[in-house]
Amino acid sequence: MIPRDAVEVHASRSVRGDNLAKLCADFRARRPDQNFAIVSNRVAMMDDTMTHMGARGSNEMIGRNVVQTMTFMTPDEYEKMQALNAWTGRRDLVGLRHVDEFNQSAGRNLGFRRRGEVEHHLLVHRRLFELLASSSAKVLGRARYEMRLHLDRQGRYEAKRAG
């Protein structure tokens, strides 16, 4: 079996739309020599960024390190996905939309576009990651890339308490 490229997943409750620019800036500051491009929908004010939609089909990140973000979708988008669920008789379109966005953005520097020893990191809200990974959602299995989970201090504490 051919191994899948890996994405370093950083799950934290601090990953929210209102502070993505700060989180991305802090991420870059901790790795000043690695020149990370950012794929996120809410950081247009920063240099070297691209939205998830803008990244679709792009080859600009080949050979680059990338950090991408994943947050809960807006209420309007959630409502549309739930309407599509009702219309199609499905229950998983919200989760599949998140996984599709992840796959599309991770595919900008991984998979057949991978050149050299590039890194790809995902900053994701911890509760969103838990929901996508739950047995009821059954959608993370559709991720094209291996996900190596890194929890923040609070996440490690809660995991230890849960046993």
C-alpha atoms as a PDB file:
ATOM      1  CA  MET A   1       0.000   0.000   0.000  1.00  0.00           C
ATOM      2  CA  ILE A   2       1.252   3.478  -0.839  1.00  0.00           C
ATOM      3  CA  PRO A   3       1.385   5.673   2.286  1.00  0.00           C
ATOM      4  CA  ARG A   4      -0.678   8.854   2.294  1.00  0.00           C
ATOM      5  CA  ASP A   5       0.911  12.260   2.770  1.00  0.00           C
ATOM      6  CA  ALA A   6       0.412  13.555   6.305  1.00  0.00           C
ATOM      7  CA  VAL A   7      -1.164  16.739   7.606  1.00  0.00           C
ATOM      8  CA  GLU A   8      -0.299  17.959  11.098  1.00  0.00           C
ATOM      9  CA  VAL A   9      -3.667  18.724  12.730  1.00  0.00           C
ATOM     10  CA  HIS A  10      -3.697  21.268  15.561  1.00  0.00           C
ATOM     11  CA  ALA A  11      -7.076  21.048  17.320  1.00  0.00           C
ATOM     12  CA  SER A  12      -7.893  23.867  19.709  1.00  0.00           C
ATOM     13  CA  ARG A  13     -10.954  25.721  20.926  1.00  0.00           C
ATOM     14  CA  SER A  14      -9.163  28.963  20.095  1.00  0.00           C
ATOM     15  CA  VAL A  15      -9.594  28.350  16.339  1.00  0.00           C
ATOM     16  CA  ARG A  16     -12.503  30.691  15.616  1.00  0.00           C
ATOM     17  CA  GLY A  17     -13.297  33.069  12.805  1.00  0.00           C
ATOM     18  CA  ASP A  18     -12.783  36.144  14.977  1.00  0.00           C
ATOM     19  CA  ASN A  19      -9.127  35.380  15.738  1.00  0.00           C
ATOM     20  CA  LEU A  20      -7.810  33.440  12.726  1.00  0.00           C
ATOM     21  CA  ALA A  21      -5.470  36.234  11.655  1.00  0.00           C
ATOM     22  CA  LYS A  22      -3.809  36.262  15.083  1.00  0.00           C
ATOM     23  CA  LEU A  23      -3.533  32.454  15.186  1.00  0.00           C
ATOM     24  CA  CYS A  24      -2.015  32.348  11.698  1.00  0.00           C
ATOM     25  CA  ALA A  25       0.413  35.170  12.518  1.00  0.00           C
ATOM     26  CA  ASP A  26       1.447  33.384  15.731  1.00  0.00           C
ATOM     27  CA  PHE A  27       1.880  30.113  13.812  1.00  0.00           C
ATOM     28  CA  ARG A  28       4.197  31.832  11.322  1.00  0.00           C
ATOM     29  CA  ALA A  29       6.093  33.641  14.102  1.00  0.00           C
ATOM     30  CA  ARG A  30       6.918  30.297  15.776  1.00  0.00           C
ATOM     31  CA  ARG A  31       8.399  29.077  12.458  1.00  0.00           C
ATOM     32  CA  PRO A  32      10.114  32.154  10.973  1.00  0.00           C
ATOM     33  CA  ASP A  33      12.452  30.230   8.661  1.00  0.00           C
ATOM     34  CA  GLN A  34       9.783  28.044   7.056  1.00  0.00           C
ATOM     35  CA  ASN A  35       7.842  30.549   4.901  1.00  0.00           C
ATOM     36  CA  PHE A  36       4.274  29.277   5.332  1.00  0.00           C
ATOM     37  CA  ALA A  37       1.536  30.219   2.888  1.00  0.00           C
ATOM     38  CA  ILE A  38      -1.926  30.450   4.465  1.00  0.00           C
ATOM     39  CA  VAL A  39      -5.204  29.056   3.130  1.00  0.00           C
ATOM     40  CA  SER A  40      -8.071  30.540   5.134  1.00  0.00           C
ATOM     41  CA  ASN A  41     -11.301  32.379   4.451  1.00  0.00           C
ATOM     42  CA  ARG A  42     -10.797  35.154   6.989  1.00  0.00           C
ATOM     43  CA  VAL A  43      -7.227  36.419   6.802  1.00  0.00           C
ATOM     44  CA  ALA A  44      -7.189  38.497   3.598  1.00  0.00           C
ATOM     45  CA  MET A  45      -5.451  41.341   5.449  1.00  0.00           C
ATOM     46  CA  MET A  46      -2.311  39.184   5.785  1.00  0.00           C
ATOM     47  CA  ASP A  47       0.400  38.656   3.166  1.00  0.00           C
ATOM     48  CA  ASP A  48       0.744  35.415   1.211  1.00  0.00           C
ATOM     49  CA  THR A  49      -2.789  34.151   1.818  1.00  0.00           C
ATOM     50  CA  MET A  50      -5.486  32.562  -0.296  1.00  0.00           C
ATOM     51  CA  THR A  51      -9.103  31.644   0.411  1.00  0.00           C
ATOM     52  CA  HIS A  52     -10.165  28.008   0.205  1.00  0.00           C
ATOM     53  CA  MET A  53     -12.153  28.786  -2.953  1.00  0.00           C
ATOM     54  CA  GLY A  54      -9.186  30.631  -4.451  1.00  0.00           C
ATOM     55  CA  ALA A  55      -6.943  27.664  -3.707  1.00  0.00           C
ATOM     56  CA  ARG A  56      -9.112  25.193  -5.672  1.00  0.00           C
ATOM     57  CA  GLY A  57      -7.168  24.111  -8.720  1.00  0.00           C
ATOM     58  CA  SER A  58      -4.254  26.442  -7.957  1.00  0.00           C
ATOM     59  CA  ASN A  59      -0.667  25.331  -8.487  1.00  0.00           C
ATOM     60  CA  GLU A  60       0.839  28.354  -6.686  1.00  0.00           C
ATOM     61  CA  MET A  61       1.629  26.365  -3.540  1.00  0.00           C
ATOM     62  CA  ILE A  62       3.546  23.507  -5.118  1.00  0.00           C
ATOM     63  CA  GLY A  63       6.750  23.045  -3.114  1.00  0.00           C
ATOM     64  CA  ARG A  64       5.578  25.402  -0.351  1.00  0.00           C
ATOM     65  CA  ASN A  65       4.745  24.876   3.299  1.00  0.00           C
ATOM     66  CA  VAL A  66       1.056  25.556   3.940  1.00  0.00           C
ATOM     67  CA  VAL A  67      -1.092  26.184   6.988  1.00  0.00           C
ATOM     68  CA  GLN A  68      -4.848  26.016   6.473  1.00  0.00           C
ATOM     69  CA  THR A  69      -7.734  26.738   8.818  1.00  0.00           C
ATOM     70  CA  MET A  70     -11.052  24.983   9.392  1.00  0.00           C
ATOM     71  CA  THR A  71     -13.827  26.600  11.393  1.00  0.00           C
ATOM     72  CA  PHE A  72     -17.520  25.957  11.791  1.00  0.00           C
ATOM     73  CA  MET A  73     -19.437  27.120   8.731  1.00  0.00           C
ATOM     74  CA  THR A  74     -21.655  30.189   8.911  1.00  0.00           C
ATOM     75  CA  PRO A  75     -25.301  29.731   9.943  1.00  0.00           C
ATOM     76  CA  ASP A  76     -26.419  30.553   6.376  1.00  0.00           C
ATOM     77  CA  GLU A  77     -24.132  27.932   4.869  1.00  0.00           C
ATOM     78  CA  TYR A  78     -25.154  25.382   7.511  1.00  0.00           C
ATOM     79  CA  GLU A  79     -28.816  26.023   6.703  1.00  0.00           C
ATOM     80  CA  LYS A  80     -28.172  25.458   2.981  1.00  0.00           C
ATOM     81  CA  MET A  81     -26.336  22.198   3.659  1.00  0.00           C
ATOM     82  CA  GLN A  82     -29.162  20.985   5.907  1.00  0.00           C
ATOM     83  CA  ALA A  83     -31.698  21.862   3.196  1.00  0.00           C
ATOM     84  CA  LEU A  84     -29.644  19.797   0.742  1.00  0.00           C
ATOM     85  CA  ASN A  85     -29.563  16.959   3.285  1.00  0.00           C
ATOM     86  CA  ALA A  86     -33.371  17.059   3.494  1.00  0.00           C
ATOM     87  CA  TRP A  87     -33.775  17.235  -0.288  1.00  0.00           C
ATOM     88  CA  THR A  88     -31.374  14.346  -0.979  1.00  0.00           C
ATOM     89  CA  GLY A  89     -32.292  12.181   2.014  1.00  0.00           C
ATOM     90  CA  ARG A  90     -28.733  12.337   3.349  1.00  0.00           C
ATOM     91  CA  ARG A  91     -27.399  13.335   6.751  1.00  0.00           C
ATOM     92  CA  ASP A  92     -23.705  13.901   6.066  1.00  0.00           C
ATOM     93  CA  LEU A  93     -23.426  16.861   3.693  1.00  0.00           C
ATOM     94  CA  VAL A  94     -22.246  19.313   6.369  1.00  0.00           C
ATOM     95  CA  GLY A  95     -19.350  17.032   7.287  1.00  0.00           C
ATOM     96  CA  LEU A  96     -18.579  16.169   3.679  1.00  0.00           C
ATOM     97  CA  ARG A  97     -18.372  19.861   2.814  1.00  0.00           C
ATOM     98  CA  HIS A  98     -15.754  20.331   5.557  1.00  0.00           C
ATOM     99  CA  VAL A  99     -13.757  17.295   4.395  1.00  0.00           C
ATOM    100  CA  ASP A 100     -13.959  18.383   0.746  1.00  0.00           C
ATOM    101  CA  GLU A 101     -12.594  21.829   1.633  1.00  0.00           C
ATOM    102  CA  PHE A 102      -9.803  20.153   3.615  1.00  0.00           C
ATOM    103  CA  ASN A 103      -8.947  17.794   0.731  1.00  0.00           C
ATOM    104  CA  GLN A 104      -8.962  20.593  -1.841  1.00  0.00           C
ATOM    105  CA  SER A 105      -6.689  22.854   0.219  1.00  0.00           C
ATOM    106  CA  ALA A 106      -4.323  20.082   1.330  1.00  0.00           C
ATOM    107  CA  GLY A 107      -3.996  18.999  -2.286  1.00  0.00           C
ATOM    108  CA  ARG A 108      -2.330  22.299  -3.185  1.00  0.00           C
ATOM    109  CA  ASN A 109       1.055  21.132  -1.841  1.00  0.00           C
ATOM    110  CA  LEU A 110       0.528  17.407  -1.148  1.00  0.00           C
ATOM    111  CA  GLY A 111      -0.328  14.366  -3.235  1.00  0.00           C
ATOM    112  CA  PHE A 112       0.820  14.573  -6.843  1.00  0.00           C
ATOM    113  CA  ARG A 113       1.728  18.259  -6.309  1.00  0.00           C
ATOM    114  CA  ARG A 114       4.156  17.424  -3.493  1.00  0.00           C
ATOM    115  CA  ARG A 115       7.692  18.610  -4.218  1.00  0.00           C
ATOM    116  CA  GLY A 116      10.431  18.107  -1.646  1.00  0.00           C
ATOM    117  CA  GLU A 117       9.952  18.011   2.102  1.00  0.00           C
ATOM    118  CA  VAL A 118       6.968  20.326   2.449  1.00  0.00           C
ATOM    119  CA  GLU A 119       4.781  20.615   5.527  1.00  0.00           C
ATOM    120  CA  HIS A 120       1.032  21.041   5.702  1.00  0.00           C
ATOM    121  CA  HIS A 121      -0.694  22.060   8.940  1.00  0.00           C
ATOM    122  CA  LEU A 122      -4.404  22.338   9.716  1.00  0.00           C
ATOM    123  CA  LEU A 123      -5.651  24.648  12.469  1.00  0.00           C
ATOM    124  CA  VAL A 124      -9.122  23.364  13.399  1.00  0.00           C
ATOM    125  CA  HIS A 125     -11.594  24.038  16.181  1.00  0.00           C
ATOM    126  CA  ARG A 126     -11.355  21.040  18.502  1.00  0.00           C
ATOM    127  CA  ARG A 127     -15.114  20.500  18.778  1.00  0.00           C
ATOM    128  CA  LEU A 128     -15.474  20.590  14.984  1.00  0.00           C
ATOM    129  CA  PHE A 129     -12.735  17.976  14.630  1.00  0.00           C
ATOM    130  CA  GLU A 130     -14.442  15.802  17.263  1.00  0.00           C
ATOM    131  CA  LEU A 131     -17.765  16.082  15.423  1.00  0.00           C
ATOM    132  CA  LEU A 132     -16.187  15.147  12.088  1.00  0.00           C
ATOM    133  CA  ALA A 133     -14.369  12.217  13.703  1.00  0.00           C
ATOM    134  CA  SER A 134     -17.435  10.908  15.553  1.00  0.00           C
ATOM    135  CA  SER A 135     -18.857   7.576  14.529  1.00  0.00           C
ATOM    136  CA  SER A 136     -22.170   9.243  13.652  1.00  0.00           C
ATOM    137  CA  ALA A 137     -20.545  11.607  11.143  1.00  0.00           C
ATOM    138  CA  LYS A 138     -18.385   8.973   9.410  1.00  0.00           C
ATOM    139  CA  VAL A 139     -16.800  11.571   7.128  1.00  0.00           C
ATOM    140  CA  LEU A 140     -13.123  11.791   8.137  1.00  0.00           C
ATOM    141  CA  GLY A 141     -12.568   8.478   6.389  1.00  0.00           C
ATOM    142  CA  ARG A 142     -12.987  10.438   3.160  1.00  0.00           C
ATOM    143  CA  ALA A 143      -9.932  12.562   3.914  1.00  0.00           C
ATOM    144  CA  ARG A 144      -7.261  11.895   1.291  1.00  0.00           C
ATOM    145  CA  TYR A 145      -4.416  12.641   3.679  1.00  0.00           C
ATOM    146  CA  GLU A 146      -3.286  11.120   6.971  1.00  0.00           C
ATOM    147  CA  MET A 147      -4.199  13.356   9.910  1.00  0.00           C
ATOM    148  CA  ARG A 148      -1.671  13.532  12.765  1.00  0.00           C
ATOM    149  CA  LEU A 149      -3.527  15.071  15.671  1.00  0.00           C
ATOM    150  CA  HIS A 150      -1.826  17.503  18.069  1.00  0.00           C
ATOM    151  CA  LEU A 151      -3.926  18.711  21.021  1.00  0.00           C
ATOM    152  CA  ASP A 152      -3.386  21.940  22.922  1.00  0.00           C
ATOM    153  CA  ARG A 153      -2.867  21.858  26.703  1.00  0.00           C
ATOM    154  CA  GLN A 154      -6.609  21.954  27.449  1.00  0.00           C
ATOM    155  CA  GLY A 155      -7.262  19.134  24.976  1.00  0.00           C
ATOM    156  CA  ARG A 156      -4.580  16.945  26.530  1.00  0.00           C
ATOM    157  CA  TYR A 157      -6.021  17.622  29.993  1.00  0.00           C
ATOM    158  CA  GLU A 158      -9.553  16.699  28.901  1.00  0.00           C
ATOM    159  CA  ALA A 159      -8.352  13.562  27.102  1.00  0.00           C
ATOM    160  CA  LYS A 160      -6.486  12.481  30.234  1.00  0.00           C
ATOM    161  CA  ARG A 161      -9.581  13.076  32.395  1.00  0.00           C
ATOM    162  CA  ALA A 162     -11.763  11.063  30.012  1.00  0.00           C
ATOM    163  CA  GLY A 163      -9.443   8.115  30.485  1.00  0.00           C
END
